Amino acid sequence: MPALHFVIADDHPLFRDALRLTIAQTFPNAEIAEAHSFDTLRAKLEAMPEADLVLLDLKMPGMQGLSGLLFIRAAFAAVPVAIISAEEEKSIVRRALELGAVGYIAKSTGADGIRAALAALVAGGVWFPAGADSEDAGAPRDALAARLSRLTPQQVRVLMMLSEGYPNKRIAHALSVSEATAKAHVSAILEKLEVENRTQAVILAREIAAFPESVRQS
């Protein structure tokens, strides 16, 4: 059996180490890459487009909430992504699944539970946290998820920057494009999200996080 390829995306080194050990114990021949930020995650996936599973935390430098998931699903559609997070709110689990995650693993899960989740996910299955309502998790995607799925990878990046308050000039600099190109991306985003202005787009972008305030501030 060919070696499996995993990417662990989490900004906490101790948790990455623990997860790496669990993966190595479960799949001794696995190749494991690590990312501590959105930019390093993007670079790892560009270098490893054949990844069998990305284990994605919800909060890293360069991304907040489910924006990283949204980007991966747009840019690397063939790569399965499972969220692994300390946050266990059912609404967040539901939104992750609506945006294309194949699973959601709570960080409170023990090593045996994580090994079971990994085995199910690499076999092509799905995984829900203990107590999750599978009927809710399998429900049709909501209107916001459907609109977000229309965005290209570059437009997802622009939307992430809009949510951080970037003006067009700063977006252009970050993407190494002209300001006119950045403006065109923003216009396309407004059309695809069916909103009238940047403010409405930012409100939708921040909904992607789906976090209660106490979690955003932690």
N, C-alpha and C. Protein backbone atom coordinates (compact mmCIF):
# COMPACT_ATOMS: atom_id res chain seq x y z
N MET A 1 0.85 -1.20 0.00
CA MET A 1 0.00 0.00 0.00
C MET A 1 0.88 1.25 0.00
N PRO A 2 0.63 2.21 -0.92
CA PRO A 2 1.44 3.43 -0.96
C PRO A 2 1.35 4.19 0.36
N ALA A 3 2.43 4.92 0.67
CA ALA A 3 2.44 5.71 1.90
C ALA A 3 1.36 6.78 1.85
N LEU A 4 0.70 6.99 2.97
CA LEU A 4 -0.30 8.05 3.07
C LEU A 4 0.38 9.38 3.36
N HIS A 5 -0.21 10.46 2.86
CA HIS A 5 0.33 11.80 3.04
C HIS A 5 -0.63 12.64 3.87
N PHE A 6 -0.15 13.12 5.01
CA PHE A 6 -0.95 13.95 5.89
C PHE A 6 -0.33 15.35 5.99
N VAL A 7 -1.20 16.34 6.20
CA VAL A 7 -0.74 17.69 6.54
C VAL A 7 -1.43 18.11 7.83
N ILE A 8 -0.63 18.42 8.84
CA ILE A 8 -1.16 18.92 10.11
C ILE A 8 -1.02 20.44 10.10
N ALA A 9 -2.14 21.13 10.18
CA ALA A 9 -2.13 22.59 10.16
C ALA A 9 -2.64 23.12 11.49
N ASP A 10 -1.70 23.54 12.34
CA ASP A 10 -2.03 24.01 13.68
C ASP A 10 -0.87 24.87 14.17
N ASP A 11 -1.16 25.97 14.84
CA ASP A 11 -0.07 26.86 15.26
C ASP A 11 0.48 26.53 16.65
N HIS A 12 0.03 25.43 17.25
CA HIS A 12 0.54 25.03 18.56
C HIS A 12 1.51 23.86 18.38
N PRO A 13 2.81 24.07 18.58
CA PRO A 13 3.81 23.01 18.34
C PRO A 13 3.56 21.75 19.15
N LEU A 14 3.15 21.88 20.41
CA LEU A 14 2.94 20.70 21.24
C LEU A 14 1.80 19.84 20.70
N PHE A 15 0.74 20.50 20.22
CA PHE A 15 -0.37 19.72 19.67
C PHE A 15 0.04 19.07 18.36
N ARG A 16 0.80 19.78 17.53
CA ARG A 16 1.29 19.17 16.28
C ARG A 16 2.14 17.94 16.59
N ASP A 17 2.99 18.04 17.60
CA ASP A 17 3.84 16.90 17.97
C ASP A 17 3.00 15.70 18.40
N ALA A 18 1.99 15.98 19.23
CA ALA A 18 1.13 14.89 19.71
C ALA A 18 0.36 14.25 18.56
N LEU A 19 -0.14 15.08 17.65
CA LEU A 19 -0.90 14.54 16.53
C LEU A 19 0.01 13.78 15.57
N ARG A 20 1.21 14.30 15.35
CA ARG A 20 2.18 13.60 14.51
C ARG A 20 2.46 12.20 15.08
N LEU A 21 2.65 12.11 16.40
CA LEU A 21 2.92 10.83 17.03
C LEU A 21 1.75 9.87 16.85
N THR A 22 0.53 10.38 17.02
CA THR A 22 -0.66 9.53 16.85
C THR A 22 -0.76 9.02 15.42
N ILE A 23 -0.50 9.89 14.45
CA ILE A 23 -0.56 9.47 13.06
C ILE A 23 0.51 8.41 12.78
N ALA A 24 1.73 8.67 13.26
CA ALA A 24 2.83 7.74 13.02
C ALA A 24 2.57 6.37 13.64
N GLN A 25 1.92 6.36 14.80
CA GLN A 25 1.60 5.08 15.44
C GLN A 25 0.52 4.34 14.68
N THR A 26 -0.40 5.11 14.06
CA THR A 26 -1.52 4.49 13.34
C THR A 26 -1.12 4.07 11.94
N PHE A 27 -0.30 4.88 11.30
CA PHE A 27 0.15 4.62 9.93
C PHE A 27 1.68 4.78 9.90
N PRO A 28 2.41 3.73 10.23
CA PRO A 28 3.86 3.83 10.41
C PRO A 28 4.63 4.37 9.20
N ASN A 29 4.11 4.17 8.00
CA ASN A 29 4.82 4.63 6.79
C ASN A 29 4.33 5.99 6.28
N ALA A 30 3.49 6.63 7.06
CA ALA A 30 2.90 7.90 6.60
C ALA A 30 3.95 8.99 6.45
N GLU A 31 3.74 9.85 5.45
CA GLU A 31 4.53 11.06 5.29
C GLU A 31 3.71 12.21 5.88
N ILE A 32 4.31 12.95 6.80
CA ILE A 32 3.57 13.97 7.54
C ILE A 32 4.24 15.32 7.38
N ALA A 33 3.49 16.29 6.85
CA ALA A 33 3.97 17.66 6.75
C ALA A 33 3.24 18.50 7.80
N GLU A 34 3.86 19.60 8.20
CA GLU A 34 3.26 20.46 9.23
C GLU A 34 3.22 21.91 8.74
N ALA A 35 2.18 22.61 9.17
CA ALA A 35 2.04 24.03 8.84
C ALA A 35 1.58 24.76 10.09
N HIS A 36 2.14 25.95 10.32
CA HIS A 36 1.78 26.73 11.51
C HIS A 36 1.04 28.01 11.16
N SER A 37 0.79 28.24 9.87
CA SER A 37 0.09 29.45 9.44
C SER A 37 -0.61 29.16 8.11
N PHE A 38 -1.48 30.08 7.71
CA PHE A 38 -2.17 29.91 6.44
C PHE A 38 -1.18 29.87 5.28
N ASP A 39 -0.19 30.76 5.29
CA ASP A 39 0.78 30.81 4.19
C ASP A 39 1.60 29.52 4.10
N THR A 40 2.03 28.99 5.25
CA THR A 40 2.81 27.75 5.20
C THR A 40 1.92 26.57 4.77
N LEU A 41 0.66 26.59 5.17
CA LEU A 41 -0.27 25.54 4.74
C LEU A 41 -0.43 25.57 3.23
N ARG A 42 -0.62 26.75 2.67
CA ARG A 42 -0.77 26.86 1.21
C ARG A 42 0.48 26.34 0.50
N ALA A 43 1.65 26.67 1.03
CA ALA A 43 2.90 26.22 0.43
C ALA A 43 3.04 24.69 0.52
N LYS A 44 2.67 24.13 1.65
CA LYS A 44 2.75 22.67 1.81
C LYS A 44 1.84 21.96 0.83
N LEU A 45 0.63 22.50 0.63
CA LEU A 45 -0.31 21.85 -0.29
C LEU A 45 0.12 22.01 -1.73
N GLU A 46 0.74 23.12 -2.06
CA GLU A 46 1.26 23.28 -3.41
C GLU A 46 2.38 22.28 -3.68
N ALA A 47 3.15 21.95 -2.62
CA ALA A 47 4.24 20.98 -2.76
C ALA A 47 3.75 19.55 -2.63
N MET A 48 2.55 19.36 -2.03
CA MET A 48 2.02 18.02 -1.79
C MET A 48 0.56 17.95 -2.23
N PRO A 49 0.29 18.15 -3.53
CA PRO A 49 -1.10 18.14 -3.99
C PRO A 49 -1.77 16.78 -3.88
N GLU A 50 -0.96 15.74 -3.62
CA GLU A 50 -1.52 14.39 -3.48
C GLU A 50 -1.88 14.06 -2.05
N ALA A 51 -1.90 15.05 -1.17
CA ALA A 51 -2.19 14.80 0.25
C ALA A 51 -3.48 14.01 0.41
N ASP A 52 -3.43 13.01 1.30
CA ASP A 52 -4.60 12.18 1.55
C ASP A 52 -5.53 12.79 2.58
N LEU A 53 -4.99 13.65 3.46
CA LEU A 53 -5.84 14.27 4.47
C LEU A 53 -5.13 15.47 5.08
N VAL A 54 -5.85 16.58 5.16
CA VAL A 54 -5.39 17.76 5.90
C VAL A 54 -6.16 17.82 7.21
N LEU A 55 -5.44 17.97 8.31
CA LEU A 55 -6.05 18.15 9.63
C LEU A 55 -5.89 19.61 9.99
N LEU A 56 -6.98 20.35 9.96
CA LEU A 56 -6.95 21.81 10.00
C LEU A 56 -7.54 22.38 11.27
N ASP A 57 -6.74 23.14 12.00
CA ASP A 57 -7.25 23.89 13.14
C ASP A 57 -8.04 25.09 12.63
N LEU A 58 -8.88 25.66 13.48
CA LEU A 58 -9.74 26.77 13.04
C LEU A 58 -9.11 28.14 13.26
N LYS A 59 -7.98 28.19 13.93
CA LYS A 59 -7.40 29.50 14.21
C LYS A 59 -5.89 29.43 14.08
N MET A 60 -5.38 30.05 13.00
CA MET A 60 -3.94 30.14 12.77
C MET A 60 -3.64 31.52 12.21
N PRO A 61 -2.39 31.97 12.29
CA PRO A 61 -2.04 33.23 11.65
C PRO A 61 -2.41 33.23 10.18
N GLY A 62 -3.09 34.27 9.74
CA GLY A 62 -3.49 34.38 8.33
C GLY A 62 -4.87 33.87 8.03
N MET A 63 -5.53 33.25 8.99
CA MET A 63 -6.89 32.76 8.77
C MET A 63 -7.63 32.74 10.09
N GLN A 64 -8.93 32.81 9.99
CA GLN A 64 -9.78 32.78 11.18
C GLN A 64 -11.00 31.95 10.88
N GLY A 65 -11.33 31.07 11.79
CA GLY A 65 -12.52 30.27 11.58
C GLY A 65 -12.40 29.36 10.38
N LEU A 66 -13.42 29.32 9.55
CA LEU A 66 -13.48 28.37 8.46
C LEU A 66 -12.99 28.93 7.13
N SER A 67 -12.35 30.11 7.17
CA SER A 67 -11.86 30.69 5.92
C SER A 67 -10.78 29.81 5.29
N GLY A 68 -9.92 29.19 6.11
CA GLY A 68 -8.90 28.31 5.58
C GLY A 68 -9.50 27.10 4.88
N LEU A 69 -10.54 26.53 5.46
CA LEU A 69 -11.24 25.42 4.83
C LEU A 69 -11.82 25.85 3.49
N LEU A 70 -12.44 27.01 3.47
CA LEU A 70 -13.04 27.52 2.24
C LEU A 70 -11.99 27.65 1.14
N PHE A 71 -10.80 28.17 1.49
CA PHE A 71 -9.75 28.32 0.50
C PHE A 71 -9.28 26.96 -0.01
N ILE A 72 -9.02 26.02 0.89
CA ILE A 72 -8.52 24.71 0.46
C ILE A 72 -9.51 24.02 -0.46
N ARG A 73 -10.79 24.11 -0.11
CA ARG A 73 -11.79 23.46 -0.94
C ARG A 73 -11.86 24.10 -2.33
N ALA A 74 -11.56 25.41 -2.41
CA ALA A 74 -11.57 26.08 -3.71
C ALA A 74 -10.30 25.80 -4.50
N ALA A 75 -9.15 25.81 -3.81
CA ALA A 75 -7.86 25.71 -4.51
C ALA A 75 -7.38 24.28 -4.68
N PHE A 76 -7.75 23.39 -3.77
CA PHE A 76 -7.28 22.01 -3.80
C PHE A 76 -8.47 21.07 -3.59
N ALA A 77 -9.37 21.10 -4.54
CA ALA A 77 -10.67 20.43 -4.37
C ALA A 77 -10.55 18.94 -4.13
N ALA A 78 -9.46 18.32 -4.59
CA ALA A 78 -9.32 16.87 -4.44
C ALA A 78 -8.77 16.46 -3.08
N VAL A 79 -8.34 17.42 -2.28
CA VAL A 79 -7.71 17.11 -0.99
C VAL A 79 -8.76 17.10 0.12
N PRO A 80 -8.95 15.97 0.80
CA PRO A 80 -9.92 15.93 1.91
C PRO A 80 -9.40 16.75 3.09
N VAL A 81 -10.31 17.45 3.74
CA VAL A 81 -9.96 18.28 4.90
C VAL A 81 -10.86 17.91 6.07
N ALA A 82 -10.22 17.65 7.21
CA ALA A 82 -10.96 17.44 8.45
C ALA A 82 -10.56 18.53 9.44
N ILE A 83 -11.54 19.14 10.06
CA ILE A 83 -11.27 20.13 11.10
C ILE A 83 -10.90 19.40 12.39
N ILE A 84 -9.87 19.91 13.07
CA ILE A 84 -9.53 19.38 14.39
C ILE A 84 -9.40 20.58 15.31
N SER A 85 -10.34 20.70 16.25
CA SER A 85 -10.49 21.95 16.99
C SER A 85 -10.94 21.72 18.42
N ALA A 86 -10.62 22.69 19.27
CA ALA A 86 -11.12 22.66 20.65
C ALA A 86 -12.57 23.11 20.71
N GLU A 87 -13.06 23.73 19.64
CA GLU A 87 -14.43 24.23 19.61
C GLU A 87 -15.38 23.11 19.19
N GLU A 88 -16.43 22.88 19.97
CA GLU A 88 -17.34 21.77 19.70
C GLU A 88 -18.78 22.22 19.48
N GLU A 89 -19.01 23.51 19.24
CA GLU A 89 -20.37 24.00 18.99
C GLU A 89 -20.97 23.30 17.76
N LYS A 90 -22.19 22.80 17.91
CA LYS A 90 -22.83 22.09 16.80
C LYS A 90 -22.95 22.98 15.56
N SER A 91 -23.20 24.29 15.76
CA SER A 91 -23.35 25.18 14.61
C SER A 91 -22.06 25.27 13.81
N ILE A 92 -20.91 25.21 14.49
CA ILE A 92 -19.63 25.28 13.80
C ILE A 92 -19.35 23.98 13.05
N VAL A 93 -19.68 22.85 13.69
CA VAL A 93 -19.55 21.55 13.03
C VAL A 93 -20.39 21.54 11.76
N ARG A 94 -21.62 22.00 11.87
CA ARG A 94 -22.53 22.03 10.72
C ARG A 94 -21.98 22.90 9.59
N ARG A 95 -21.48 24.09 9.93
CA ARG A 95 -20.95 24.98 8.90
C ARG A 95 -19.71 24.37 8.24
N ALA A 96 -18.86 23.70 9.01
CA ALA A 96 -17.68 23.05 8.43
C ALA A 96 -18.08 22.01 7.39
N LEU A 97 -19.09 21.23 7.71
CA LEU A 97 -19.55 20.21 6.78
C LEU A 97 -20.19 20.83 5.56
N GLU A 98 -20.93 21.92 5.77
CA GLU A 98 -21.56 22.62 4.64
C GLU A 98 -20.50 23.16 3.68
N LEU A 99 -19.34 23.53 4.22
CA LEU A 99 -18.28 24.10 3.40
C LEU A 99 -17.33 23.03 2.85
N GLY A 100 -17.64 21.77 3.10
CA GLY A 100 -16.90 20.71 2.42
C GLY A 100 -15.96 19.88 3.26
N ALA A 101 -15.91 20.07 4.58
CA ALA A 101 -15.06 19.22 5.41
C ALA A 101 -15.58 17.79 5.40
N VAL A 102 -14.66 16.83 5.44
CA VAL A 102 -15.06 15.43 5.48
C VAL A 102 -15.21 14.94 6.92
N GLY A 103 -14.80 15.76 7.87
CA GLY A 103 -14.93 15.36 9.26
C GLY A 103 -14.60 16.48 10.21
N TYR A 104 -14.87 16.24 11.47
CA TYR A 104 -14.65 17.24 12.51
C TYR A 104 -14.25 16.47 13.78
N ILE A 105 -13.00 16.68 14.21
CA ILE A 105 -12.48 15.97 15.37
C ILE A 105 -12.25 16.97 16.50
N ALA A 106 -12.87 16.73 17.63
CA ALA A 106 -12.66 17.59 18.80
C ALA A 106 -11.29 17.30 19.40
N LYS A 107 -10.58 18.36 19.80
CA LYS A 107 -9.26 18.16 20.39
C LYS A 107 -9.34 17.43 21.74
N SER A 108 -10.51 17.39 22.31
CA SER A 108 -10.68 16.67 23.57
C SER A 108 -10.75 15.16 23.36
N THR A 109 -10.81 14.74 22.10
CA THR A 109 -10.87 13.31 21.79
C THR A 109 -9.58 12.62 22.21
N GLY A 110 -9.69 11.46 22.82
CA GLY A 110 -8.53 10.69 23.22
C GLY A 110 -7.79 10.10 22.02
N ALA A 111 -6.59 9.58 22.28
CA ALA A 111 -5.76 9.04 21.21
C ALA A 111 -6.47 7.93 20.45
N ASP A 112 -7.16 7.03 21.16
CA ASP A 112 -7.88 5.95 20.48
C ASP A 112 -8.96 6.48 19.56
N GLY A 113 -9.67 7.51 20.02
CA GLY A 113 -10.71 8.12 19.20
C GLY A 113 -10.14 8.79 17.97
N ILE A 114 -9.00 9.47 18.12
CA ILE A 114 -8.37 10.12 16.97
C ILE A 114 -7.89 9.08 15.98
N ARG A 115 -7.33 7.98 16.48
CA ARG A 115 -6.89 6.92 15.57
C ARG A 115 -8.09 6.34 14.79
N ALA A 116 -9.22 6.16 15.47
CA ALA A 116 -10.41 5.66 14.80
C ALA A 116 -10.90 6.65 13.74
N ALA A 117 -10.84 7.94 14.09
CA ALA A 117 -11.26 8.97 13.13
C ALA A 117 -10.36 8.97 11.91
N LEU A 118 -9.05 8.89 12.12
CA LEU A 118 -8.10 8.89 11.00
C LEU A 118 -8.33 7.69 10.10
N ALA A 119 -8.54 6.53 10.70
CA ALA A 119 -8.77 5.33 9.91
C ALA A 119 -10.02 5.47 9.05
N ALA A 120 -11.08 6.03 9.63
CA ALA A 120 -12.33 6.22 8.87
C ALA A 120 -12.14 7.22 7.74
N LEU A 121 -11.42 8.30 8.02
CA LEU A 121 -11.28 9.37 7.03
C LEU A 121 -10.40 8.94 5.85
N VAL A 122 -9.28 8.28 6.11
CA VAL A 122 -8.42 7.88 4.99
C VAL A 122 -9.05 6.74 4.18
N ALA A 123 -10.04 6.06 4.78
CA ALA A 123 -10.76 5.02 4.05
C ALA A 123 -11.89 5.61 3.20
N GLY A 124 -12.01 6.94 3.24
CA GLY A 124 -13.03 7.60 2.43
C GLY A 124 -14.33 7.86 3.16
N GLY A 125 -14.34 7.62 4.47
CA GLY A 125 -15.55 7.87 5.25
C GLY A 125 -15.59 9.28 5.81
N VAL A 126 -16.51 9.51 6.71
CA VAL A 126 -16.64 10.80 7.39
C VAL A 126 -16.55 10.55 8.89
N TRP A 127 -16.36 11.62 9.64
CA TRP A 127 -16.24 11.49 11.09
C TRP A 127 -16.86 12.69 11.77
N PHE A 128 -17.76 12.43 12.71
CA PHE A 128 -18.39 13.50 13.47
C PHE A 128 -17.96 13.40 14.94
N PRO A 129 -17.94 14.50 15.65
CA PRO A 129 -17.60 14.43 17.07
C PRO A 129 -18.66 13.68 17.86
N ALA A 130 -18.26 13.14 18.98
CA ALA A 130 -19.19 12.40 19.83
C ALA A 130 -20.39 13.28 20.17
N GLY A 131 -21.60 12.74 19.99
CA GLY A 131 -22.80 13.48 20.32
C GLY A 131 -23.33 14.35 19.19
N ALA A 132 -22.59 14.42 18.08
CA ALA A 132 -23.08 15.23 16.96
C ALA A 132 -24.31 14.57 16.36
N ASP A 133 -25.20 15.40 15.88
CA ASP A 133 -26.43 14.92 15.26
C ASP A 133 -26.15 14.63 13.80
N SER A 134 -26.05 13.37 13.42
CA SER A 134 -25.69 13.03 12.04
C SER A 134 -26.74 13.51 11.05
N GLU A 135 -27.99 13.60 11.48
CA GLU A 135 -29.04 14.09 10.57
C GLU A 135 -28.79 15.55 10.24
N ASP A 136 -28.42 16.36 11.27
CA ASP A 136 -28.09 17.76 11.00
C ASP A 136 -26.86 17.86 10.12
N ALA A 137 -25.85 17.04 10.44
CA ALA A 137 -24.59 17.13 9.71
C ALA A 137 -24.76 16.79 8.24
N GLY A 138 -25.73 15.93 7.92
CA GLY A 138 -25.92 15.54 6.54
C GLY A 138 -26.96 16.37 5.81
N ALA A 139 -27.45 17.41 6.43
CA ALA A 139 -28.50 18.23 5.82
C ALA A 139 -27.95 19.03 4.65
N PRO A 140 -28.81 19.51 3.74
CA PRO A 140 -28.35 20.27 2.59
C PRO A 140 -27.61 21.54 3.01
N ARG A 141 -26.68 21.95 2.18
CA ARG A 141 -25.91 23.15 2.46
C ARG A 141 -26.82 24.37 2.47
N ASP A 142 -26.50 25.34 3.34
CA ASP A 142 -27.33 26.53 3.39
C ASP A 142 -26.97 27.49 2.27
N ALA A 143 -27.73 28.58 2.15
CA ALA A 143 -27.56 29.50 1.04
C ALA A 143 -26.20 30.16 1.05
N LEU A 144 -25.67 30.49 2.24
CA LEU A 144 -24.36 31.13 2.31
C LEU A 144 -23.29 30.19 1.79
N ALA A 145 -23.31 28.94 2.20
CA ALA A 145 -22.32 27.97 1.73
C ALA A 145 -22.38 27.82 0.22
N ALA A 146 -23.58 27.81 -0.33
CA ALA A 146 -23.74 27.68 -1.78
C ALA A 146 -23.13 28.87 -2.51
N ARG A 147 -23.35 30.09 -1.98
CA ARG A 147 -22.78 31.28 -2.62
C ARG A 147 -21.26 31.29 -2.49
N LEU A 148 -20.74 30.89 -1.34
CA LEU A 148 -19.30 30.89 -1.13
C LEU A 148 -18.61 29.91 -2.07
N SER A 149 -19.30 28.82 -2.41
CA SER A 149 -18.70 27.81 -3.28
C SER A 149 -18.47 28.33 -4.69
N ARG A 150 -19.07 29.47 -5.04
CA ARG A 150 -18.89 30.03 -6.38
C ARG A 150 -17.55 30.76 -6.53
N LEU A 151 -16.90 31.06 -5.42
CA LEU A 151 -15.69 31.87 -5.47
C LEU A 151 -14.49 31.06 -5.94
N THR A 152 -13.62 31.71 -6.72
CA THR A 152 -12.36 31.09 -7.11
C THR A 152 -11.39 31.15 -5.92
N PRO A 153 -10.29 30.38 -5.95
CA PRO A 153 -9.32 30.46 -4.85
C PRO A 153 -8.81 31.88 -4.61
N GLN A 154 -8.52 32.61 -5.68
CA GLN A 154 -8.03 33.98 -5.51
C GLN A 154 -9.10 34.87 -4.89
N GLN A 155 -10.34 34.67 -5.29
CA GLN A 155 -11.43 35.46 -4.71
C GLN A 155 -11.64 35.13 -3.24
N VAL A 156 -11.42 33.87 -2.86
CA VAL A 156 -11.50 33.52 -1.44
C VAL A 156 -10.44 34.27 -0.66
N ARG A 157 -9.22 34.33 -1.20
CA ARG A 157 -8.15 35.07 -0.52
C ARG A 157 -8.51 36.54 -0.37
N VAL A 158 -9.08 37.12 -1.43
CA VAL A 158 -9.48 38.52 -1.37
C VAL A 158 -10.57 38.71 -0.31
N LEU A 159 -11.52 37.79 -0.26
CA LEU A 159 -12.58 37.89 0.74
C LEU A 159 -12.01 37.82 2.15
N MET A 160 -11.01 36.95 2.36
CA MET A 160 -10.36 36.87 3.66
C MET A 160 -9.72 38.21 4.02
N MET A 161 -9.11 38.86 3.04
CA MET A 161 -8.47 40.16 3.28
C MET A 161 -9.51 41.25 3.53
N LEU A 162 -10.63 41.17 2.81
CA LEU A 162 -11.70 42.13 3.06
C LEU A 162 -12.19 42.03 4.50
N SER A 163 -12.28 40.81 5.00
CA SER A 163 -12.77 40.62 6.36
C SER A 163 -11.80 41.19 7.39
N GLU A 164 -10.52 41.35 6.97
CA GLU A 164 -9.52 41.96 7.85
C GLU A 164 -9.43 43.47 7.66
N GLY A 165 -10.27 44.02 6.78
CA GLY A 165 -10.30 45.46 6.57
C GLY A 165 -9.30 45.98 5.55
N TYR A 166 -8.74 45.10 4.71
CA TYR A 166 -7.75 45.55 3.72
C TYR A 166 -8.42 46.43 2.65
N PRO A 167 -7.85 47.59 2.32
CA PRO A 167 -8.32 48.35 1.15
C PRO A 167 -7.77 47.71 -0.13
N ASN A 168 -8.29 48.14 -1.29
CA ASN A 168 -7.87 47.55 -2.55
C ASN A 168 -6.36 47.64 -2.77
N LYS A 169 -5.76 48.76 -2.38
CA LYS A 169 -4.32 48.94 -2.59
C LYS A 169 -3.52 47.89 -1.83
N ARG A 170 -3.93 47.60 -0.60
CA ARG A 170 -3.20 46.61 0.21
C ARG A 170 -3.45 45.20 -0.31
N ILE A 171 -4.67 44.94 -0.78
CA ILE A 171 -4.97 43.63 -1.38
C ILE A 171 -4.09 43.42 -2.60
N ALA A 172 -3.99 44.46 -3.44
CA ALA A 172 -3.16 44.37 -4.65
C ALA A 172 -1.71 44.07 -4.30
N HIS A 173 -1.20 44.73 -3.28
CA HIS A 173 0.19 44.50 -2.87
C HIS A 173 0.38 43.08 -2.36
N ALA A 174 -0.57 42.58 -1.56
CA ALA A 174 -0.46 41.23 -1.00
C ALA A 174 -0.50 40.16 -2.08
N LEU A 175 -1.26 40.41 -3.14
CA LEU A 175 -1.41 39.43 -4.22
C LEU A 175 -0.46 39.67 -5.38
N SER A 176 0.31 40.76 -5.31
CA SER A 176 1.24 41.13 -6.39
C SER A 176 0.50 41.32 -7.72
N VAL A 177 -0.63 42.03 -7.63
CA VAL A 177 -1.41 42.37 -8.82
C VAL A 177 -1.66 43.87 -8.82
N SER A 178 -2.23 44.38 -9.91
CA SER A 178 -2.54 45.80 -9.98
C SER A 178 -3.75 46.12 -9.10
N GLU A 179 -3.89 47.40 -8.75
CA GLU A 179 -5.04 47.80 -7.96
C GLU A 179 -6.34 47.60 -8.75
N ALA A 180 -6.26 47.76 -10.08
CA ALA A 180 -7.44 47.54 -10.92
C ALA A 180 -7.87 46.07 -10.87
N THR A 181 -6.89 45.17 -10.84
CA THR A 181 -7.21 43.74 -10.74
C THR A 181 -7.84 43.42 -9.40
N ALA A 182 -7.29 44.01 -8.34
CA ALA A 182 -7.87 43.80 -7.00
C ALA A 182 -9.31 44.29 -6.97
N LYS A 183 -9.55 45.45 -7.58
CA LYS A 183 -10.90 46.00 -7.63
C LYS A 183 -11.84 45.08 -8.40
N ALA A 184 -11.32 44.49 -9.48
CA ALA A 184 -12.14 43.57 -10.28
C ALA A 184 -12.50 42.32 -9.47
N HIS A 185 -11.55 41.84 -8.67
CA HIS A 185 -11.84 40.69 -7.80
C HIS A 185 -12.96 41.04 -6.82
N VAL A 186 -12.87 42.23 -6.23
CA VAL A 186 -13.88 42.64 -5.26
C VAL A 186 -15.25 42.71 -5.93
N SER A 187 -15.30 43.28 -7.12
CA SER A 187 -16.57 43.38 -7.84
C SER A 187 -17.15 42.00 -8.14
N ALA A 188 -16.28 41.07 -8.52
CA ALA A 188 -16.75 39.71 -8.81
C ALA A 188 -17.27 39.03 -7.55
N ILE A 189 -16.61 39.28 -6.43
CA ILE A 189 -17.05 38.72 -5.15
C ILE A 189 -18.44 39.23 -4.80
N LEU A 190 -18.65 40.53 -4.95
CA LEU A 190 -19.95 41.11 -4.63
C LEU A 190 -21.05 40.48 -5.47
N GLU A 191 -20.75 40.26 -6.74
CA GLU A 191 -21.74 39.66 -7.64
C GLU A 191 -22.04 38.22 -7.24
N LYS A 192 -21.00 37.44 -6.97
CA LYS A 192 -21.20 36.03 -6.65
C LYS A 192 -21.87 35.83 -5.30
N LEU A 193 -21.58 36.73 -4.35
CA LEU A 193 -22.20 36.62 -3.04
C LEU A 193 -23.58 37.29 -2.99
N GLU A 194 -23.94 37.94 -4.09
CA GLU A 194 -25.24 38.59 -4.21
C GLU A 194 -25.42 39.67 -3.14
N VAL A 195 -24.38 40.50 -2.98
CA VAL A 195 -24.44 41.62 -2.06
C VAL A 195 -24.14 42.90 -2.83
N GLU A 196 -24.46 44.04 -2.23
CA GLU A 196 -24.37 45.31 -2.94
C GLU A 196 -23.08 46.07 -2.69
N ASN A 197 -22.40 45.79 -1.58
CA ASN A 197 -21.21 46.56 -1.26
C ASN A 197 -20.23 45.76 -0.41
N ARG A 198 -19.05 46.36 -0.18
CA ARG A 198 -17.99 45.68 0.58
C ARG A 198 -18.44 45.37 2.01
N THR A 199 -19.19 46.28 2.59
CA THR A 199 -19.61 46.07 3.98
C THR A 199 -20.43 44.79 4.12
N GLN A 200 -21.37 44.59 3.18
CA GLN A 200 -22.18 43.38 3.22
C GLN A 200 -21.33 42.14 2.97
N ALA A 201 -20.33 42.26 2.09
CA ALA A 201 -19.43 41.13 1.83
C ALA A 201 -18.63 40.79 3.08
N VAL A 202 -18.17 41.80 3.79
CA VAL A 202 -17.40 41.58 5.02
C VAL A 202 -18.26 40.89 6.07
N ILE A 203 -19.52 41.29 6.17
CA ILE A 203 -20.42 40.65 7.14
C ILE A 203 -20.54 39.16 6.83
N LEU A 204 -20.68 38.83 5.55
CA LEU A 204 -20.77 37.41 5.16
C LEU A 204 -19.44 36.70 5.43
N ALA A 205 -18.33 37.39 5.14
CA ALA A 205 -17.02 36.78 5.36
C ALA A 205 -16.83 36.44 6.83
N ARG A 206 -17.28 37.31 7.69
CA ARG A 206 -17.11 37.07 9.12
C ARG A 206 -18.05 35.99 9.63
N GLU A 207 -19.12 35.74 8.90
CA GLU A 207 -20.00 34.63 9.26
C GLU A 207 -19.30 33.29 9.05
N ILE A 208 -18.30 33.27 8.16
CA ILE A 208 -17.59 32.03 7.88
C ILE A 208 -16.96 31.49 9.16
N ALA A 209 -16.49 32.42 10.01
CA ALA A 209 -15.85 31.99 11.26
C ALA A 209 -16.82 31.21 12.12
N ALA A 210 -18.07 31.67 12.16
CA ALA A 210 -19.13 30.97 12.90
C ALA A 210 -18.79 30.77 14.37
N PHE A 211 -17.97 31.68 14.94
CA PHE A 211 -17.55 31.55 16.32
C PHE A 211 -18.38 32.42 17.26
N PRO A 212 -18.70 31.93 18.44
CA PRO A 212 -19.20 32.82 19.48
C PRO A 212 -18.10 33.82 19.84
N GLU A 213 -18.48 34.98 20.37
CA GLU A 213 -17.49 36.01 20.68
C GLU A 213 -16.40 35.51 21.62
N SER A 214 -16.77 34.68 22.61
CA SER A 214 -15.79 34.22 23.59
C SER A 214 -14.68 33.42 22.92
N VAL A 215 -15.01 32.71 21.82
CA VAL A 215 -14.02 31.93 21.12
C VAL A 215 -13.15 32.83 20.27
N ARG A 216 -13.74 33.86 19.62
CA ARG A 216 -12.96 34.77 18.79
C ARG A 216 -11.87 35.45 19.61
N GLN A 217 -12.20 35.77 20.85
CA GLN A 217 -11.29 36.56 21.65
C GLN A 217 -10.26 35.72 22.38
N SER A 218 -10.39 34.41 22.35
CA SER A 218 -9.47 33.55 23.10
C SER A 218 -8.16 33.38 22.37
